[in-house]
Amino acid sequence: MDTNERNQLIAQVRELKAKTEYLEGRNLALSITVQDLSERVAALAPKDGAPDETEKERVN
């Protein structure tokens, strides 16, 4: 392997590391968003086991 090939491989590895870090950051951001949305949905759920509006509509 000559120096040029080696340098190209090093550049490719650096690029892949940067892309991996970016994607890991996006994954974390999406995980936080999903967690936040899950918490919001849970907060909207009926607390006492009473049917919500959708369940009432299905019964009628």
N, C-alpha and C. Protein backbone atom coordinates (compact mmCIF):
# COMPACT_ATOMS: atom_id res chain seq x y z
N MET A 1 0.86 -1.17 0.00
CA MET A 1 0.00 0.00 0.00
C MET A 1 0.91 1.23 0.00
N ASP A 2 0.69 2.09 -0.96
CA ASP A 2 1.52 3.29 -1.01
C ASP A 2 0.92 4.40 -0.15
N THR A 3 1.65 5.48 -0.06
CA THR A 3 1.25 6.59 0.81
C THR A 3 -0.08 7.20 0.38
N ASN A 4 -0.29 7.31 -0.92
CA ASN A 4 -1.53 7.90 -1.42
C ASN A 4 -2.74 7.05 -1.02
N GLU A 5 -2.64 5.73 -1.19
CA GLU A 5 -3.73 4.84 -0.79
C GLU A 5 -3.99 4.93 0.71
N ARG A 6 -2.92 4.97 1.47
CA ARG A 6 -3.03 5.06 2.92
C ARG A 6 -3.74 6.35 3.32
N ASN A 7 -3.34 7.45 2.72
CA ASN A 7 -3.96 8.74 3.02
C ASN A 7 -5.44 8.77 2.63
N GLN A 8 -5.78 8.12 1.52
CA GLN A 8 -7.18 8.05 1.10
C GLN A 8 -8.00 7.25 2.12
N LEU A 9 -7.44 6.14 2.60
CA LEU A 9 -8.14 5.33 3.60
C LEU A 9 -8.31 6.10 4.90
N ILE A 10 -7.29 6.83 5.30
CA ILE A 10 -7.38 7.63 6.52
C ILE A 10 -8.47 8.68 6.37
N ALA A 11 -8.53 9.32 5.21
CA ALA A 11 -9.57 10.33 4.96
C ALA A 11 -10.96 9.70 5.00
N GLN A 12 -11.10 8.50 4.43
CA GLN A 12 -12.39 7.81 4.45
C GLN A 12 -12.80 7.45 5.87
N VAL A 13 -11.85 6.98 6.67
CA VAL A 13 -12.14 6.64 8.06
C VAL A 13 -12.58 7.87 8.82
N ARG A 14 -11.91 8.98 8.63
CA ARG A 14 -12.29 10.23 9.31
C ARG A 14 -13.69 10.67 8.90
N GLU A 15 -13.99 10.55 7.61
CA GLU A 15 -15.31 10.93 7.12
C GLU A 15 -16.39 10.03 7.74
N LEU A 16 -16.12 8.73 7.80
CA LEU A 16 -17.08 7.81 8.39
C LEU A 16 -17.26 8.07 9.88
N LYS A 17 -16.19 8.41 10.57
CA LYS A 17 -16.31 8.75 12.00
C LYS A 17 -17.18 9.98 12.19
N ALA A 18 -16.97 10.99 11.35
CA ALA A 18 -17.77 12.22 11.45
C ALA A 18 -19.24 11.92 11.17
N LYS A 19 -19.51 11.11 10.16
CA LYS A 19 -20.90 10.76 9.84
C LYS A 19 -21.52 9.96 10.99
N THR A 20 -20.75 9.06 11.57
CA THR A 20 -21.25 8.26 12.69
C THR A 20 -21.59 9.15 13.88
N GLU A 21 -20.72 10.09 14.20
CA GLU A 21 -20.98 11.01 15.30
C GLU A 21 -22.25 11.83 15.03
N TYR A 22 -22.40 12.29 13.79
CA TYR A 22 -23.59 13.05 13.42
C TYR A 22 -24.85 12.21 13.61
N LEU A 23 -24.81 10.98 13.09
CA LEU A 23 -25.98 10.11 13.19
C LEU A 23 -26.28 9.73 14.63
N GLU A 24 -25.26 9.53 15.44
CA GLU A 24 -25.48 9.24 16.86
C GLU A 24 -26.15 10.43 17.54
N GLY A 25 -25.74 11.63 17.17
CA GLY A 25 -26.37 12.84 17.72
C GLY A 25 -27.82 12.96 17.30
N ARG A 26 -28.10 12.66 16.03
CA ARG A 26 -29.48 12.71 15.54
C ARG A 26 -30.32 11.65 16.24
N ASN A 27 -29.74 10.47 16.45
CA ASN A 27 -30.46 9.39 17.13
C ASN A 27 -30.82 9.81 18.55
N LEU A 28 -29.88 10.45 19.23
CA LEU A 28 -30.14 10.93 20.59
C LEU A 28 -31.25 11.97 20.57
N ALA A 29 -31.19 12.89 19.63
CA ALA A 29 -32.22 13.93 19.53
C ALA A 29 -33.59 13.31 19.28
N LEU A 30 -33.64 12.32 18.41
CA LEU A 30 -34.92 11.66 18.13
C LEU A 30 -35.41 10.88 19.34
N SER A 31 -34.50 10.25 20.06
CA SER A 31 -34.89 9.51 21.27
C SER A 31 -35.49 10.45 22.30
N ILE A 32 -34.88 11.62 22.45
CA ILE A 32 -35.40 12.61 23.40
C ILE A 32 -36.78 13.07 22.96
N THR A 33 -36.95 13.30 21.65
CA THR A 33 -38.24 13.74 21.12
C THR A 33 -39.31 12.67 21.36
N VAL A 34 -38.97 11.42 21.09
CA VAL A 34 -39.92 10.33 21.31
C VAL A 34 -40.28 10.22 22.78
N GLN A 35 -39.29 10.34 23.65
CA GLN A 35 -39.54 10.28 25.09
C GLN A 35 -40.47 11.42 25.51
N ASP A 36 -40.20 12.62 25.02
CA ASP A 36 -41.03 13.78 25.35
C ASP A 36 -42.47 13.57 24.87
N LEU A 37 -42.62 13.08 23.65
CA LEU A 37 -43.96 12.85 23.12
C LEU A 37 -44.68 11.75 23.91
N SER A 38 -43.95 10.72 24.31
CA SER A 38 -44.55 9.65 25.11
C SER A 38 -45.05 10.19 26.44
N GLU A 39 -44.25 11.06 27.05
CA GLU A 39 -44.66 11.65 28.33
C GLU A 39 -45.88 12.54 28.15
N ARG A 40 -45.93 13.28 27.05
CA ARG A 40 -47.08 14.15 26.80
C ARG A 40 -48.35 13.33 26.57
N VAL A 41 -48.22 12.24 25.82
CA VAL A 41 -49.38 11.37 25.59
C VAL A 41 -49.85 10.76 26.90
N ALA A 42 -48.90 10.31 27.71
CA ALA A 42 -49.26 9.72 29.00
C ALA A 42 -49.98 10.74 29.88
N ALA A 43 -49.55 11.99 29.80
CA ALA A 43 -50.19 13.04 30.61
C ALA A 43 -51.62 13.30 30.14
N LEU A 44 -51.90 13.06 28.88
CA LEU A 44 -53.24 13.28 28.34
C LEU A 44 -54.18 12.11 28.60
N ALA A 45 -53.64 10.96 28.94
CA ALA A 45 -54.47 9.77 29.16
C ALA A 45 -55.33 9.95 30.40
N PRO A 46 -56.53 9.36 30.39
CA PRO A 46 -57.40 9.45 31.57
C PRO A 46 -56.72 8.80 32.77
N LYS A 47 -56.82 9.43 33.91
CA LYS A 47 -56.12 8.96 35.10
C LYS A 47 -56.90 7.91 35.88
N ASP A 48 -58.23 7.97 35.81
CA ASP A 48 -59.04 7.12 36.67
C ASP A 48 -59.58 5.89 35.97
N GLY A 49 -59.08 5.60 34.77
CA GLY A 49 -59.57 4.46 34.03
C GLY A 49 -60.85 4.74 33.27
N ALA A 50 -61.34 5.96 33.36
CA ALA A 50 -62.55 6.34 32.63
C ALA A 50 -62.25 6.34 31.14
N PRO A 51 -63.21 5.96 30.33
CA PRO A 51 -62.95 5.95 28.88
C PRO A 51 -62.74 7.38 28.37
N ASP A 52 -61.84 7.51 27.42
CA ASP A 52 -61.64 8.83 26.83
C ASP A 52 -62.70 9.06 25.75
N GLU A 53 -62.66 10.20 25.10
CA GLU A 53 -63.68 10.56 24.11
C GLU A 53 -63.73 9.55 22.96
N THR A 54 -62.59 9.06 22.53
CA THR A 54 -62.56 8.11 21.42
C THR A 54 -63.27 6.82 21.81
N GLU A 55 -63.02 6.33 23.01
CA GLU A 55 -63.68 5.11 23.47
C GLU A 55 -65.19 5.32 23.59
N LYS A 56 -65.61 6.48 24.05
CA LYS A 56 -67.04 6.78 24.16
C LYS A 56 -67.69 6.76 22.78
N GLU A 57 -67.00 7.31 21.78
CA GLU A 57 -67.55 7.34 20.42
C GLU A 57 -67.67 5.94 19.86
N ARG A 58 -66.72 5.05 20.16
CA ARG A 58 -66.79 3.69 19.65
C ARG A 58 -67.97 2.93 20.25
N VAL A 59 -68.27 3.20 21.50
CA VAL A 59 -69.37 2.52 22.17
C VAL A 59 -70.69 2.95 21.56
N ASN A 60 -70.82 4.24 21.27
CA ASN A 60 -72.07 4.77 20.70
C ASN A 60 -72.13 4.46 19.27
